[in-house]
C-alpha atoms as a PDB file:
ATOM      1  CA  MET A   1      20.594 -16.943  -8.706  1.00  0.00           C
ATOM      2  CA  ASN A   2      19.262 -16.867 -12.250  1.00  0.00           C
ATOM      3  CA  LEU A   3      17.951 -13.459 -13.318  1.00  0.00           C
ATOM      4  CA  ASN A   4      14.865 -15.116 -14.782  1.00  0.00           C
ATOM      5  CA  ASN A   5      14.040 -16.491 -11.337  1.00  0.00           C
ATOM      6  CA  VAL A   6      14.255 -13.010  -9.792  1.00  0.00           C
ATOM      7  CA  VAL A   7      11.983 -11.585 -12.461  1.00  0.00           C
ATOM      8  CA  THR A   8       9.518 -14.422 -12.048  1.00  0.00           C
ATOM      9  CA  MET A   9       9.483 -13.966  -8.279  1.00  0.00           C
ATOM     10  CA  CYS A  10       8.739 -10.261  -8.632  1.00  0.00           C
ATOM     11  CA  VAL A  11       5.860 -10.588 -11.077  1.00  0.00           C
ATOM     12  CA  LEU A  12       2.633 -10.946  -9.166  1.00  0.00           C
ATOM     13  CA  ASP A  13      -0.210 -11.446 -11.572  1.00  0.00           C
ATOM     14  CA  ARG A  14      -2.861 -12.408  -9.088  1.00  0.00           C
ATOM     15  CA  LYS A  15      -6.396 -11.686 -10.270  1.00  0.00           C
ATOM     16  CA  PHE A  16      -9.029 -11.016  -7.622  1.00  0.00           C
ATOM     17  CA  THR A  17     -12.738 -11.504  -7.557  1.00  0.00           C
ATOM     18  CA  LEU A  18     -14.555  -8.756  -5.700  1.00  0.00           C
ATOM     19  CA  ALA A  19     -15.264 -11.180  -2.834  1.00  0.00           C
ATOM     20  CA  GLU A  20     -11.584 -12.187  -2.565  1.00  0.00           C
ATOM     21  CA  ALA A  21     -10.488  -8.567  -2.522  1.00  0.00           C
ATOM     22  CA  ASN A  22     -13.013  -7.662   0.185  1.00  0.00           C
ATOM     23  CA  GLU A  23     -11.810 -10.611   2.299  1.00  0.00           C
ATOM     24  CA  LEU A  24      -8.333  -9.057   2.453  1.00  0.00           C
ATOM     25  CA  LEU A  25      -9.502  -5.696   3.792  1.00  0.00           C
ATOM     26  CA  PRO A  26      -9.295  -6.552   7.524  1.00  0.00           C
ATOM     27  CA  MET A  27      -5.735  -7.825   7.054  1.00  0.00           C
ATOM     28  CA  LEU A  28      -4.739  -4.742   5.038  1.00  0.00           C
ATOM     29  CA  ARG A  29      -6.175  -2.517   7.762  1.00  0.00           C
ATOM     30  CA  ARG A  30      -4.196  -4.347  10.460  1.00  0.00           C
ATOM     31  CA  ILE A  31      -0.971  -4.182   8.455  1.00  0.00           C
ATOM     32  CA  SER A  32      -1.433  -0.502   7.635  1.00  0.00           C
ATOM     33  CA  THR A  33      -2.427   0.467  11.185  1.00  0.00           C
ATOM     34  CA  LYS A  34       0.565  -1.323  12.708  1.00  0.00           C
ATOM     35  CA  HIS A  35       3.042   0.376  10.410  1.00  0.00           C
ATOM     36  CA  ASP A  36       1.271   3.737  10.559  1.00  0.00           C
ATOM     37  CA  ILE A  37       1.605   3.764  14.357  1.00  0.00           C
ATOM     38  CA  ALA A  38       5.319   2.920  14.160  1.00  0.00           C
ATOM     39  CA  ILE A  39       5.943   5.579  11.495  1.00  0.00           C
ATOM     40  CA  ASN A  40       4.088   8.256  13.440  1.00  0.00           C
ATOM     41  CA  ARG A  41       6.026   7.326  16.585  1.00  0.00           C
ATOM     42  CA  ALA A  42       9.342   7.653  14.738  1.00  0.00           C
ATOM     43  CA  LEU A  43       8.308  11.022  13.296  1.00  0.00           C
ATOM     44  CA  ALA A  44       7.196  12.271  16.724  1.00  0.00           C
ATOM     45  CA  ASP A  45      10.526  11.130  18.178  1.00  0.00           C
ATOM     46  CA  GLN A  46      12.331  12.955  15.399  1.00  0.00           C
ATOM     47  CA  ARG A  47      10.407  16.195  15.988  1.00  0.00           C
ATOM     48  CA  TYR A  48      11.230  16.011  19.685  1.00  0.00           C
ATOM     49  CA  LEU A  49      14.908  15.280  19.038  1.00  0.00           C
ATOM     50  CA  MET A  50      15.134  18.224  16.643  1.00  0.00           C
ATOM     51  CA  LYS A  51      13.449  20.473  19.190  1.00  0.00           C
ATOM     52  CA  VAL A  52      15.931  19.564  21.918  1.00  0.00           C
ATOM     53  CA  GLY A  53      18.946  19.838  19.588  1.00  0.00           C
ATOM     54  CA  ALA A  54      19.936  16.180  19.498  1.00  0.00           C
ATOM     55  CA  PRO A  55      22.903  15.119  17.345  1.00  0.00           C
ATOM     56  CA  GLN A  56      22.143  14.712  13.637  1.00  0.00           C
ATOM     57  CA  LYS A  57      22.989  10.974  13.768  1.00  0.00           C
ATOM     58  CA  VAL A  58      20.188  10.350  16.252  1.00  0.00           C
ATOM     59  CA  ILE A  59      17.737  12.365  14.150  1.00  0.00           C
ATOM     60  CA  THR A  60      18.780  10.466  11.016  1.00  0.00           C
ATOM     61  CA  ASP A  61      18.158   7.184  12.827  1.00  0.00           C
ATOM     62  CA  CYS A  62      14.487   8.188  13.001  1.00  0.00           C
ATOM     63  CA  ASP A  63      14.482   8.577   9.212  1.00  0.00           C
ATOM     64  CA  ASN A  64      15.908   5.078   8.934  1.00  0.00           C
ATOM     65  CA  ARG A  65      13.138   3.725  11.165  1.00  0.00           C
ATOM     66  CA  VAL A  66      10.522   5.348   8.923  1.00  0.00           C
ATOM     67  CA  VAL A  67      12.112   3.888   5.790  1.00  0.00           C
ATOM     68  CA  ALA A  68      12.316   0.421   7.364  1.00  0.00           C
ATOM     69  CA  GLU A  69       8.633   0.546   8.339  1.00  0.00           C
ATOM     70  CA  LEU A  70       7.588   1.691   4.866  1.00  0.00           C
ATOM     71  CA  GLN A  71       9.614  -1.085   3.249  1.00  0.00           C
ATOM     72  CA  SER A  72       8.180  -3.713   5.583  1.00  0.00           C
ATOM     73  CA  TRP A  73       4.632  -2.485   4.936  1.00  0.00           C
ATOM     74  CA  ALA A  74       5.188  -2.487   1.156  1.00  0.00           C
ATOM     75  CA  ARG A  75       6.610  -6.031   1.179  1.00  0.00           C
ATOM     76  CA  LYS A  76       3.617  -7.367   3.080  1.00  0.00           C
ATOM     77  CA  VAL A  77       1.106  -5.697   0.779  1.00  0.00           C
ATOM     78  CA  LEU A  78       2.994  -6.869  -2.304  1.00  0.00           C
ATOM     79  CA  LYS A  79       3.025 -10.457  -1.033  1.00  0.00           C
ATOM     80  CA  LEU A  80      -0.761 -10.309  -0.875  1.00  0.00           C
ATOM     81  CA  GLY A  81      -0.793  -9.424  -4.569  1.00  0.00           C
ATOM     82  CA  VAL A  82      -2.186  -5.948  -3.963  1.00  0.00           C
ATOM     83  CA  LYS A  83      -0.891  -2.894  -5.808  1.00  0.00           C
ATOM     84  CA  GLN A  84      -0.223   0.319  -3.905  1.00  0.00           C
ATOM     85  CA  PHE A  85      -0.946   3.626  -5.564  1.00  0.00           C
ATOM     86  CA  GLN A  86       0.241   7.061  -4.588  1.00  0.00           C
ATOM     87  CA  GLY A  87      -2.357   8.844  -2.496  1.00  0.00           C
ATOM     88  CA  GLY A  88      -3.286   5.888  -0.290  1.00  0.00           C
ATOM     89  CA  TRP A  89      -5.213   3.816  -2.817  1.00  0.00           C
ATOM     90  CA  TYR A  90      -4.931   0.067  -3.045  1.00  0.00           C
ATOM     91  CA  GLY A  91      -5.618  -1.764  -6.290  1.00  0.00           C
ATOM     92  CA  PHE A  92      -6.800  -5.351  -6.654  1.00  0.00           C
ATOM     93  CA  ASP A  93      -6.221  -6.543 -10.214  1.00  0.00           C
ATOM     94  CA  CYS A  94      -9.457  -8.005 -11.569  1.00  0.00           C
ATOM     95  CA  GLY A  95      -8.213  -8.800 -15.077  1.00  0.00           C
ATOM     96  CA  PHE A  96      -9.436  -5.634 -16.798  1.00  0.00           C
ATOM     97  CA  GLY A  97      -8.452  -2.968 -14.292  1.00  0.00           C
ATOM     98  CA  TYR A  98      -8.374  -2.578 -10.531  1.00  0.00           C
ATOM     99  CA  TYR A  99     -10.913  -2.756  -7.782  1.00  0.00           C
ATOM    100  CA  SER A 100      -9.966   0.401  -5.904  1.00  0.00           C
ATOM    101  CA  TRP A 101     -10.021   0.862  -2.127  1.00  0.00           C
ATOM    102  CA  THR A 102      -8.768   3.277   0.508  1.00  0.00           C
ATOM    103  CA  PRO A 103      -8.510   2.408   4.215  1.00  0.00           C
ATOM    104  CA  ASN A 104     -11.321   4.809   5.163  1.00  0.00           C
ATOM    105  CA  GLU A 105     -13.837   2.756   3.138  1.00  0.00           C
ATOM    106  CA  ASP A 106     -15.719  -0.217   4.605  1.00  0.00           C
ATOM    107  CA  THR A 107     -15.819  -2.260   1.405  1.00  0.00           C
ATOM    108  CA  ILE A 108     -14.592  -2.052  -2.145  1.00  0.00           C
ATOM    109  CA  ARG A 109     -17.066  -0.014  -4.164  1.00  0.00           C
ATOM    110  CA  TYR A 110     -14.886   1.509  -6.870  1.00  0.00           C
ATOM    111  CA  PHE A 111     -12.957   0.542  -9.959  1.00  0.00           C
ATOM    112  CA  HIS A 112     -10.410   2.138 -12.299  1.00  0.00           C
ATOM    113  CA  GLY A 113      -8.855   0.919 -15.527  1.00  0.00           C
ATOM    114  CA  TYR A 114      -5.225  -0.042 -15.978  1.00  0.00           C
ATOM    115  CA  LEU A 115      -4.376   3.186 -17.785  1.00  0.00           C
ATOM    116  CA  GLU A 116      -6.336   5.452 -15.461  1.00  0.00           C
ATOM    117  CA  ARG A 117      -5.242   7.142 -12.279  1.00  0.00           C
ATOM    118  CA  PRO A 118      -6.869   5.885  -9.085  1.00  0.00           C
ATOM    119  CA  SER A 119      -8.357   9.348  -8.618  1.00  0.00           C
ATOM    120  CA  ALA A 120     -10.426   8.692 -11.780  1.00  0.00           C
ATOM    121  CA  ARG A 121     -12.114   5.720 -10.173  1.00  0.00           C
ATOM    122  CA  ARG A 122     -15.836   5.218 -10.496  1.00  0.00           C
ATOM    123  CA  PRO A 123     -18.431   3.006  -8.817  1.00  0.00           C
ATOM    124  CA  ILE A 124     -18.141  -0.665  -9.712  1.00  0.00           C
ATOM    125  CA  GLY A 125     -21.679  -0.631 -11.091  1.00  0.00           C
ATOM    126  CA  VAL A 126     -20.543   1.654 -13.916  1.00  0.00           C
ATOM    127  CA  MET A 127     -17.354  -0.154 -14.975  1.00  0.00           C
ATOM    128  CA  VAL A 128     -16.558   0.694 -18.551  1.00  0.00           C
ATOM    129  CA  LEU A 129     -14.072  -1.324 -20.553  1.00  0.00           C
ATOM    130  CA  LYS A 130     -11.862   0.846 -22.716  1.00  0.00           C
END
């Protein structure tokens, strides 16, 4: 496979309108909930196995389940063209920054610039181009 093809496949430059981004929220919630349940189940299994003194291999298998779920979740979100930020924020590239959303919000109401942290987000009505 040509390296240029790999690079091209990995570059997702999708630009969202606010309406398009909001349309994806139910799907993002479903994806996140599904993987969150599986991750929490694996972590609960691991805590139990540690408590009962299970062999390290079995405990490590729980770690592998968590990693597999996180990777699967990340691939799905990436395929949608959505950026994931540390702290649980999702970013929808709008061409001059990101519409910013967290799963506990009903709709997208915030924005942050490309060079800003998601925690510096502000209401969409006060977007400032820098």
